[in-house]
Amino acid sequence: YPINRFAMEAKRQLDVLDRALADRRFLAGE
């Protein structure tokens, strides 16, 4: 249960970053 719960959250966070970095070089811009 805890491995599944936190694996899901870790992957959600990676997806947040992946979407943000799709149109910019760094997190706050260029």
Full PDB file with SEQRES, HELIX, SHEET, SSBOND, CRYST1, ORIGX, SCALE, CONECT and MASTER records, all heavy atoms in Angstrom:
SEQRES   1 A   30  TYR PRO ILE ASN ARG PHE ALA MET GLU ALA LYS ARG GLN          
SEQRES   2 A   30  LEU ASP VAL LEU ASP ARG ALA LEU ALA ASP ARG ARG PHE          
SEQRES   3 A   30  LEU ALA GLY GLU                                              
HELIX    1 AA1 PRO A    2  ALA A   20  1                                  19    
CRYST1    1.000    1.000    1.000  90.00  90.00  90.00 P 1           1          
ORIGX1      1.000000  0.000000  0.000000        0.00000                         
ORIGX2      0.000000  1.000000  0.000000        0.00000                         
ORIGX3      0.000000  0.000000  1.000000        0.00000                         
SCALE1      1.000000  0.000000  0.000000        0.00000                         
SCALE2      0.000000  1.000000  0.000000        0.00000                         
SCALE3      0.000000  0.000000  1.000000        0.00000                         
ATOM      1  N   TYR A   1       0.809  -1.218   0.000  1.00  0.00           N  
ATOM      2  CA  TYR A   1       0.000   0.000   0.000  1.00  0.00           C  
ATOM      3  C   TYR A   1       0.845   1.271   0.000  1.00  0.00           C  
ATOM      4  O   TYR A   1       0.658   2.134  -0.875  1.00  0.00           O  
ATOM      5  CB  TYR A   1      -0.994   0.021   1.167  1.00  0.00           C  
ATOM      6  CG  TYR A   1      -1.717   1.343   1.237  1.00  0.00           C  
ATOM      7  CD1 TYR A   1      -2.781   1.608   0.381  1.00  0.00           C  
ATOM      8  CD2 TYR A   1      -1.289   2.352   2.109  1.00  0.00           C  
ATOM      9  CE1 TYR A   1      -3.423   2.835   0.404  1.00  0.00           C  
ATOM     10  CE2 TYR A   1      -1.921   3.582   2.130  1.00  0.00           C  
ATOM     11  CZ  TYR A   1      -2.990   3.822   1.279  1.00  0.00           C  
ATOM     12  OH  TYR A   1      -3.611   5.042   1.286  1.00  0.00           O  
ATOM     13  N   PRO A   2       1.788   1.471   0.950  1.00  0.00           N  
ATOM     14  CA  PRO A   2       2.547   2.729   0.917  1.00  0.00           C  
ATOM     15  C   PRO A   2       3.449   2.858  -0.302  1.00  0.00           C  
ATOM     16  O   PRO A   2       3.651   3.966  -0.810  1.00  0.00           O  
ATOM     17  CB  PRO A   2       3.344   2.709   2.222  1.00  0.00           C  
ATOM     18  CG  PRO A   2       3.397   1.285   2.631  1.00  0.00           C  
ATOM     19  CD  PRO A   2       2.118   0.676   2.142  1.00  0.00           C  
ATOM     20  N   ILE A   3       4.001   1.741  -0.805  1.00  0.00           N  
ATOM     21  CA  ILE A   3       4.835   1.838  -2.010  1.00  0.00           C  
ATOM     22  C   ILE A   3       3.983   2.281  -3.195  1.00  0.00           C  
ATOM     23  O   ILE A   3       4.363   3.183  -3.953  1.00  0.00           O  
ATOM     24  CB  ILE A   3       5.547   0.501  -2.287  1.00  0.00           C  
ATOM     25  CG1 ILE A   3       6.627   0.247  -1.229  1.00  0.00           C  
ATOM     26  CG2 ILE A   3       6.168   0.514  -3.690  1.00  0.00           C  
ATOM     27  CD1 ILE A   3       7.302  -1.103  -1.346  1.00  0.00           C  
ATOM     28  N   ASN A   4       2.802   1.684  -3.354  1.00  0.00           N  
ATOM     29  CA  ASN A   4       1.921   2.090  -4.444  1.00  0.00           C  
ATOM     30  C   ASN A   4       1.470   3.536  -4.286  1.00  0.00           C  
ATOM     31  O   ASN A   4       1.431   4.305  -5.259  1.00  0.00           O  
ATOM     32  CB  ASN A   4       0.701   1.177  -4.517  1.00  0.00           C  
ATOM     33  CG  ASN A   4       1.008  -0.178  -5.132  1.00  0.00           C  
ATOM     34  OD1 ASN A   4       2.066  -0.366  -5.736  1.00  0.00           O  
ATOM     35  ND2 ASN A   4       0.101  -1.117  -4.979  1.00  0.00           N  
ATOM     36  N   ARG A   5       1.129   3.910  -3.070  1.00  0.00           N  
ATOM     37  CA  ARG A   5       0.626   5.266  -2.832  1.00  0.00           C  
ATOM     38  C   ARG A   5       1.679   6.310  -3.190  1.00  0.00           C  
ATOM     39  O   ARG A   5       1.383   7.295  -3.878  1.00  0.00           O  
ATOM     40  CB  ARG A   5       0.228   5.414  -1.346  1.00  0.00           C  
ATOM     41  CG  ARG A   5      -0.086   6.844  -0.904  1.00  0.00           C  
ATOM     42  CD  ARG A   5      -1.328   7.373  -1.595  1.00  0.00           C  
ATOM     43  NE  ARG A   5      -1.593   8.744  -1.211  1.00  0.00           N  
ATOM     44  CZ  ARG A   5      -1.071   9.823  -1.780  1.00  0.00           C  
ATOM     45  NH1 ARG A   5      -0.215   9.680  -2.791  1.00  0.00           N  
ATOM     46  NH2 ARG A   5      -1.388  11.030  -1.381  1.00  0.00           N  
ATOM     47  N   PHE A   6       2.913   6.105  -2.733  1.00  0.00           N  
ATOM     48  CA  PHE A   6       3.937   7.120  -2.962  1.00  0.00           C  
ATOM     49  C   PHE A   6       4.584   6.992  -4.337  1.00  0.00           C  
ATOM     50  O   PHE A   6       5.093   7.981  -4.868  1.00  0.00           O  
ATOM     51  CB  PHE A   6       4.964   7.091  -1.839  1.00  0.00           C  
ATOM     52  CG  PHE A   6       4.402   7.597  -0.538  1.00  0.00           C  
ATOM     53  CD1 PHE A   6       4.230   6.750   0.542  1.00  0.00           C  
ATOM     54  CD2 PHE A   6       4.030   8.924  -0.399  1.00  0.00           C  
ATOM     55  CE1 PHE A   6       3.702   7.222   1.738  1.00  0.00           C  
ATOM     56  CE2 PHE A   6       3.507   9.404   0.789  1.00  0.00           C  
ATOM     57  CZ  PHE A   6       3.331   8.551   1.858  1.00  0.00           C  
ATOM     58  N   ALA A   7       4.567   5.803  -4.946  1.00  0.00           N  
ATOM     59  CA  ALA A   7       5.013   5.689  -6.328  1.00  0.00           C  
ATOM     60  C   ALA A   7       4.084   6.491  -7.236  1.00  0.00           C  
ATOM     61  O   ALA A   7       4.535   7.192  -8.157  1.00  0.00           O  
ATOM     62  CB  ALA A   7       5.059   4.234  -6.761  1.00  0.00           C  
ATOM     63  N   MET A   8       2.792   6.403  -6.979  1.00  0.00           N  
ATOM     64  CA  MET A   8       1.829   7.174  -7.750  1.00  0.00           C  
ATOM     65  C   MET A   8       2.114   8.678  -7.616  1.00  0.00           C  
ATOM     66  O   MET A   8       2.099   9.414  -8.616  1.00  0.00           O  
ATOM     67  CB  MET A   8       0.413   6.869  -7.269  1.00  0.00           C  
ATOM     68  CG  MET A   8      -0.675   7.693  -7.962  1.00  0.00           C  
ATOM     69  SD  MET A   8      -2.353   7.156  -7.511  1.00  0.00           S  
ATOM     70  CE  MET A   8      -2.341   7.464  -5.735  1.00  0.00           C  
ATOM     71  N   GLU A   9       2.389   9.135  -6.413  1.00  0.00           N  
ATOM     72  CA  GLU A   9       2.657  10.554  -6.209  1.00  0.00           C  
ATOM     73  C   GLU A   9       3.986  10.969  -6.833  1.00  0.00           C  
ATOM     74  O   GLU A   9       4.088  12.059  -7.424  1.00  0.00           O  
ATOM     75  CB  GLU A   9       2.646  10.889  -4.716  1.00  0.00           C  
ATOM     76  CG  GLU A   9       3.018  12.317  -4.370  1.00  0.00           C  
ATOM     77  CD  GLU A   9       2.100  13.373  -4.980  1.00  0.00           C  
ATOM     78  OE1 GLU A   9       1.014  13.016  -5.501  1.00  0.00           O  
ATOM     79  OE2 GLU A   9       2.470  14.570  -4.940  1.00  0.00           O  
ATOM     80  N   ALA A  10       5.013  10.133  -6.731  1.00  0.00           N  
ATOM     81  CA  ALA A  10       6.294  10.457  -7.354  1.00  0.00           C  
ATOM     82  C   ALA A  10       6.143  10.596  -8.864  1.00  0.00           C  
ATOM     83  O   ALA A  10       6.706  11.512  -9.483  1.00  0.00           O  
ATOM     84  CB  ALA A  10       7.337   9.383  -7.021  1.00  0.00           C  
ATOM     85  N   LYS A  11       5.368   9.698  -9.466  1.00  0.00           N  
ATOM     86  CA  LYS A  11       5.163   9.774 -10.911  1.00  0.00           C  
ATOM     87  C   LYS A  11       4.299  10.982 -11.282  1.00  0.00           C  
ATOM     88  O   LYS A  11       4.514  11.614 -12.328  1.00  0.00           O  
ATOM     89  CB  LYS A  11       4.543   8.474 -11.421  1.00  0.00           C  
ATOM     90  CG  LYS A  11       5.527   7.299 -11.405  1.00  0.00           C  
ATOM     91  CD  LYS A  11       4.922   6.030 -11.977  1.00  0.00           C  
ATOM     92  CE  LYS A  11       4.666   6.112 -13.464  1.00  0.00           C  
ATOM     93  NZ  LYS A  11       5.899   6.225 -14.265  1.00  0.00           N  
ATOM     94  N   ARG A  12       3.337  11.332 -10.447  1.00  0.00           N  
ATOM     95  CA  ARG A  12       2.554  12.538 -10.706  1.00  0.00           C  
ATOM     96  C   ARG A  12       3.455  13.766 -10.697  1.00  0.00           C  
ATOM     97  O   ARG A  12       3.342  14.656 -11.559  1.00  0.00           O  
ATOM     98  CB  ARG A  12       1.449  12.690  -9.654  1.00  0.00           C  
ATOM     99  CG  ARG A  12       0.464  13.825  -9.961  1.00  0.00           C  
ATOM    100  CD  ARG A  12      -0.392  14.155  -8.753  1.00  0.00           C  
ATOM    101  NE  ARG A  12       0.405  14.811  -7.723  1.00  0.00           N  
ATOM    102  CZ  ARG A  12       0.689  16.115  -7.728  1.00  0.00           C  
ATOM    103  NH1 ARG A  12       0.273  16.899  -8.711  1.00  0.00           N  
ATOM    104  NH2 ARG A  12       1.404  16.630  -6.745  1.00  0.00           N  
ATOM    105  N   GLN A  13       4.374  13.828  -9.739  1.00  0.00           N  
ATOM    106  CA  GLN A  13       5.293  14.963  -9.661  1.00  0.00           C  
ATOM    107  C   GLN A  13       6.210  15.011 -10.886  1.00  0.00           C  
ATOM    108  O   GLN A  13       6.485  16.093 -11.427  1.00  0.00           O  
ATOM    109  CB  GLN A  13       6.102  14.879  -8.377  1.00  0.00           C  
ATOM    110  CG  GLN A  13       5.278  15.092  -7.124  1.00  0.00           C  
ATOM    111  CD  GLN A  13       6.062  14.862  -5.852  1.00  0.00           C  
ATOM    112  OE1 GLN A  13       7.259  14.560  -5.890  1.00  0.00           O  
ATOM    113  NE2 GLN A  13       5.414  14.990  -4.714  1.00  0.00           N  
ATOM    114  N   LEU A  14       6.705  13.871 -11.325  1.00  0.00           N  
ATOM    115  CA  LEU A  14       7.522  13.836 -12.539  1.00  0.00           C  
ATOM    116  C   LEU A  14       6.729  14.333 -13.741  1.00  0.00           C  
ATOM    117  O   LEU A  14       7.266  15.018 -14.614  1.00  0.00           O  
ATOM    118  CB  LEU A  14       8.049  12.424 -12.784  1.00  0.00           C  
ATOM    119  CG  LEU A  14       9.186  11.958 -11.877  1.00  0.00           C  
ATOM    120  CD1 LEU A  14       9.409  10.454 -12.024  1.00  0.00           C  
ATOM    121  CD2 LEU A  14      10.481  12.708 -12.183  1.00  0.00           C  
ATOM    122  N   ASP A  15       5.450  14.004 -13.774  1.00  0.00           N  
ATOM    123  CA  ASP A  15       4.610  14.466 -14.873  1.00  0.00           C  
ATOM    124  C   ASP A  15       4.398  15.975 -14.799  1.00  0.00           C  
ATOM    125  O   ASP A  15       4.370  16.661 -15.837  1.00  0.00           O  
ATOM    126  CB  ASP A  15       3.273  13.730 -14.841  1.00  0.00           C  
ATOM    127  CG  ASP A  15       2.482  13.910 -16.120  1.00  0.00           C  
ATOM    128  OD1 ASP A  15       3.081  13.848 -17.213  1.00  0.00           O  
ATOM    129  OD2 ASP A  15       1.259  14.125 -16.040  1.00  0.00           O  
ATOM    130  N   VAL A  16       4.250  16.520 -13.588  1.00  0.00           N  
ATOM    131  CA  VAL A  16       4.158  17.977 -13.423  1.00  0.00           C  
ATOM    132  C   VAL A  16       5.388  18.654 -14.040  1.00  0.00           C  
ATOM    133  O   VAL A  16       5.280  19.622 -14.803  1.00  0.00           O  
ATOM    134  CB  VAL A  16       4.023  18.351 -11.936  1.00  0.00           C  
ATOM    135  CG1 VAL A  16       4.204  19.858 -11.731  1.00  0.00           C  
ATOM    136  CG2 VAL A  16       2.678  17.911 -11.375  1.00  0.00           C  
ATOM    137  N   LEU A  17       6.566  18.131 -13.697  1.00  0.00           N  
ATOM    138  CA  LEU A  17       7.799  18.709 -14.225  1.00  0.00           C  
ATOM    139  C   LEU A  17       7.898  18.520 -15.731  1.00  0.00           C  
ATOM    140  O   LEU A  17       8.315  19.434 -16.461  1.00  0.00           O  
ATOM    141  CB  LEU A  17       9.010  18.063 -13.543  1.00  0.00           C  
ATOM    142  CG  LEU A  17       9.209  18.379 -12.069  1.00  0.00           C  
ATOM    143  CD1 LEU A  17      10.354  17.544 -11.498  1.00  0.00           C  
ATOM    144  CD2 LEU A  17       9.493  19.861 -11.856  1.00  0.00           C  
ATOM    145  N   ASP A  18       7.534  17.353 -16.216  1.00  0.00           N  
ATOM    146  CA  ASP A  18       7.663  17.071 -17.637  1.00  0.00           C  
ATOM    147  C   ASP A  18       6.787  18.012 -18.461  1.00  0.00           C  
ATOM    148  O   ASP A  18       7.204  18.509 -19.518  1.00  0.00           O  
ATOM    149  CB  ASP A  18       7.279  15.612 -17.910  1.00  0.00           C  
ATOM    150  CG  ASP A  18       7.901  15.079 -19.182  1.00  0.00           C  
ATOM    151  OD1 ASP A  18       9.145  15.075 -19.273  1.00  0.00           O  
ATOM    152  OD2 ASP A  18       7.146  14.680 -20.089  1.00  0.00           O  
ATOM    153  N   ARG A  19       5.591  18.283 -17.972  1.00  0.00           N  
ATOM    154  CA  ARG A  19       4.699  19.194 -18.681  1.00  0.00           C  
ATOM    155  C   ARG A  19       5.237  20.627 -18.633  1.00  0.00           C  
ATOM    156  O   ARG A  19       5.162  21.365 -19.628  1.00  0.00           O  
ATOM    157  CB  ARG A  19       3.295  19.121 -18.087  1.00  0.00           C  
ATOM    158  CG  ARG A  19       2.582  17.793 -18.353  1.00  0.00           C  
ATOM    159  CD  ARG A  19       1.321  17.653 -17.505  1.00  0.00           C  
ATOM    160  NE  ARG A  19       0.721  16.344 -17.660  1.00  0.00           N  
ATOM    161  CZ  ARG A  19      -0.288  16.066 -18.488  1.00  0.00           C  
ATOM    162  NH1 ARG A  19      -0.792  17.026 -19.257  1.00  0.00           N  
ATOM    163  NH2 ARG A  19      -0.775  14.846 -18.555  1.00  0.00           N  
ATOM    164  N   ALA A  20       5.772  21.029 -17.488  1.00  0.00           N  
ATOM    165  CA  ALA A  20       6.294  22.385 -17.358  1.00  0.00           C  
ATOM    166  C   ALA A  20       7.490  22.613 -18.263  1.00  0.00           C  
ATOM    167  O   ALA A  20       7.667  23.702 -18.826  1.00  0.00           O  
ATOM    168  CB  ALA A  20       6.677  22.657 -15.905  1.00  0.00           C  
ATOM    169  N   LEU A  21       8.315  21.590 -18.423  1.00  0.00           N  
ATOM    170  CA  LEU A  21       9.543  21.723 -19.211  1.00  0.00           C  
ATOM    171  C   LEU A  21       9.329  21.492 -20.705  1.00  0.00           C  
ATOM    172  O   LEU A  21      10.278  21.533 -21.479  1.00  0.00           O  
ATOM    173  CB  LEU A  21      10.600  20.752 -18.677  1.00  0.00           C  
ATOM    174  CG  LEU A  21      11.167  21.123 -17.290  1.00  0.00           C  
ATOM    175  CD1 LEU A  21      11.883  19.933 -16.673  1.00  0.00           C  
ATOM    176  CD2 LEU A  21      12.097  22.324 -17.400  1.00  0.00           C  
ATOM    177  N   ALA A  22       8.107  21.279 -21.101  1.00  0.00           N  
ATOM    178  CA  ALA A  22       7.829  21.031 -22.512  1.00  0.00           C  
ATOM    179  C   ALA A  22       8.053  22.271 -23.370  1.00  0.00           C  
ATOM    180  O   ALA A  22       8.405  22.159 -24.548  1.00  0.00           O  
ATOM    181  CB  ALA A  22       6.391  20.542 -22.690  1.00  0.00           C  
ATOM    182  N   ASP A  23       7.864  23.463 -22.772  1.00  0.00           N  
ATOM    183  CA  ASP A  23       7.966  24.684 -23.572  1.00  0.00           C  
ATOM    184  C   ASP A  23       8.931  25.699 -22.980  1.00  0.00           C  
ATOM    185  O   ASP A  23       8.841  26.889 -23.252  1.00  0.00           O  
ATOM    186  CB  ASP A  23       6.580  25.329 -23.727  1.00  0.00           C  
ATOM    187  CG  ASP A  23       5.949  25.700 -22.391  1.00  0.00           C  
ATOM    188  OD1 ASP A  23       6.553  25.408 -21.332  1.00  0.00           O  
ATOM    189  OD2 ASP A  23       4.854  26.287 -22.414  1.00  0.00           O  
ATOM    190  N   ARG A  24       9.840  25.242 -22.147  1.00  0.00           N  
ATOM    191  CA  ARG A  24      10.841  26.142 -21.578  1.00  0.00           C  
ATOM    192  C   ARG A  24      12.113  25.358 -21.273  1.00  0.00           C  
ATOM    193  O   ARG A  24      12.057  24.154 -21.002  1.00  0.00           O  
ATOM    194  CB  ARG A  24      10.321  26.839 -20.327  1.00  0.00           C  
ATOM    195  CG  ARG A  24       9.991  25.889 -19.182  1.00  0.00           C  
ATOM    196  CD  ARG A  24       9.353  26.593 -17.998  1.00  0.00           C  
ATOM    197  NE  ARG A  24       7.962  26.927 -18.244  1.00  0.00           N  
ATOM    198  CZ  ARG A  24       7.149  27.413 -17.304  1.00  0.00           C  
ATOM    199  NH1 ARG A  24       7.622  27.660 -16.087  1.00  0.00           N  
ATOM    200  NH2 ARG A  24       5.893  27.670 -17.565  1.00  0.00           N  
ATOM    201  N   ARG A  25      13.221  26.050 -21.272  1.00  0.00           N  
ATOM    202  CA  ARG A  25      14.507  25.393 -21.042  1.00  0.00           C  
ATOM    203  C   ARG A  25      14.672  25.027 -19.568  1.00  0.00           C  
ATOM    204  O   ARG A  25      15.134  23.924 -19.236  1.00  0.00           O  
ATOM    205  CB  ARG A  25      15.635  26.318 -21.487  1.00  0.00           C  
ATOM    206  CG  ARG A  25      17.018  25.728 -21.346  1.00  0.00           C  
ATOM    207  CD  ARG A  25      18.066  26.719 -21.821  1.00  0.00           C  
ATOM    208  NE  ARG A  25      19.417  26.207 -21.635  1.00  0.00           N  
ATOM    209  CZ  ARG A  25      20.516  26.929 -21.829  1.00  0.00           C  
ATOM    210  NH1 ARG A  25      20.407  28.192 -22.249  1.00  0.00           N  
ATOM    211  NH2 ARG A  25      21.717  26.396 -21.637  1.00  0.00           N  
ATOM    212  N   PHE A  26      14.336  25.967 -18.688  1.00  0.00           N  
ATOM    213  CA  PHE A  26      14.444  25.749 -17.244  1.00  0.00           C  
ATOM    214  C   PHE A  26      13.084  26.000 -16.594  1.00  0.00           C  
ATOM    215  O   PHE A  26      12.142  26.440 -17.253  1.00  0.00           O  
ATOM    216  CB  PHE A  26      15.523  26.648 -16.648  1.00  0.00           C  
ATOM    217  CG  PHE A  26      16.912  26.366 -17.176  1.00  0.00           C  
ATOM    218  CD1 PHE A  26      17.553  27.275 -18.002  1.00  0.00           C  
ATOM    219  CD2 PHE A  26      17.564  25.188 -16.858  1.00  0.00           C  
ATOM    220  CE1 PHE A  26      18.824  27.025 -18.497  1.00  0.00           C  
ATOM    221  CE2 PHE A  26      18.834  24.911 -17.351  1.00  0.00           C  
ATOM    222  CZ  PHE A  26      19.469  25.832 -18.176  1.00  0.00           C  
ATOM    223  N   LEU A  27      12.996  25.768 -15.299  1.00  0.00           N  
ATOM    224  CA  LEU A  27      11.685  25.809 -14.646  1.00  0.00           C  
ATOM    225  C   LEU A  27      11.053  27.193 -14.651  1.00  0.00           C  
ATOM    226  O   LEU A  27       9.830  27.320 -14.784  1.00  0.00           O  
ATOM    227  CB  LEU A  27      11.796  25.292 -13.211  1.00  0.00           C  
ATOM    228  CG  LEU A  27      11.543  23.789 -12.992  1.00  0.00           C  
ATOM    229  CD1 LEU A  27      10.218  23.350 -13.587  1.00  0.00           C  
ATOM    230  CD2 LEU A  27      12.654  22.942 -13.555  1.00  0.00           C  
ATOM    231  N   ALA A  28      11.841  28.251 -14.503  1.00  0.00           N  
ATOM    232  CA  ALA A  28      11.276  29.592 -14.461  1.00  0.00           C  
ATOM    233  C   ALA A  28      11.364  30.304 -15.802  1.00  0.00           C  
ATOM    234  O   ALA A  28      11.007  31.478 -15.900  1.00  0.00           O  
ATOM    235  CB  ALA A  28      11.970  30.428 -13.377  1.00  0.00           C  
ATOM    236  N   GLY A  29      11.838  29.642 -16.829  1.00  0.00           N  
ATOM    237  CA  GLY A  29      11.973  30.267 -18.139  1.00  0.00           C  
ATOM    238  C   GLY A  29      13.251  29.852 -18.820  1.00  0.00           C  
ATOM    239  O   GLY A  29      13.639  28.685 -18.794  1.00  0.00           O  
ATOM    240  N   GLU A  30      13.947  30.809 -19.375  1.00  0.00           N  
ATOM    241  CA  GLU A  30      15.163  30.514 -20.137  1.00  0.00           C  
ATOM    242  C   GLU A  30      16.430  30.625 -19.297  1.00  0.00           C  
ATOM    243  O   GLU A  30      17.513  30.324 -19.799  1.00  0.00           O  
ATOM    244  CB  GLU A  30      15.262  31.452 -21.345  1.00  0.00           C  
ATOM    245  CG  GLU A  30      14.169  31.208 -22.373  1.00  0.00           C  
ATOM    246  CD  GLU A  30      14.126  29.747 -22.826  1.00  0.00           C  
ATOM    247  OE1 GLU A  30      15.148  29.258 -23.323  1.00  0.00           O  
ATOM    248  OE2 GLU A  30      13.063  29.109 -22.666  1.00  0.00           O  
TER     249      GLU A  30                                                      
MASTER        0    0    0    1    0    0    0    6  248    1    0    3          
END                                                                             
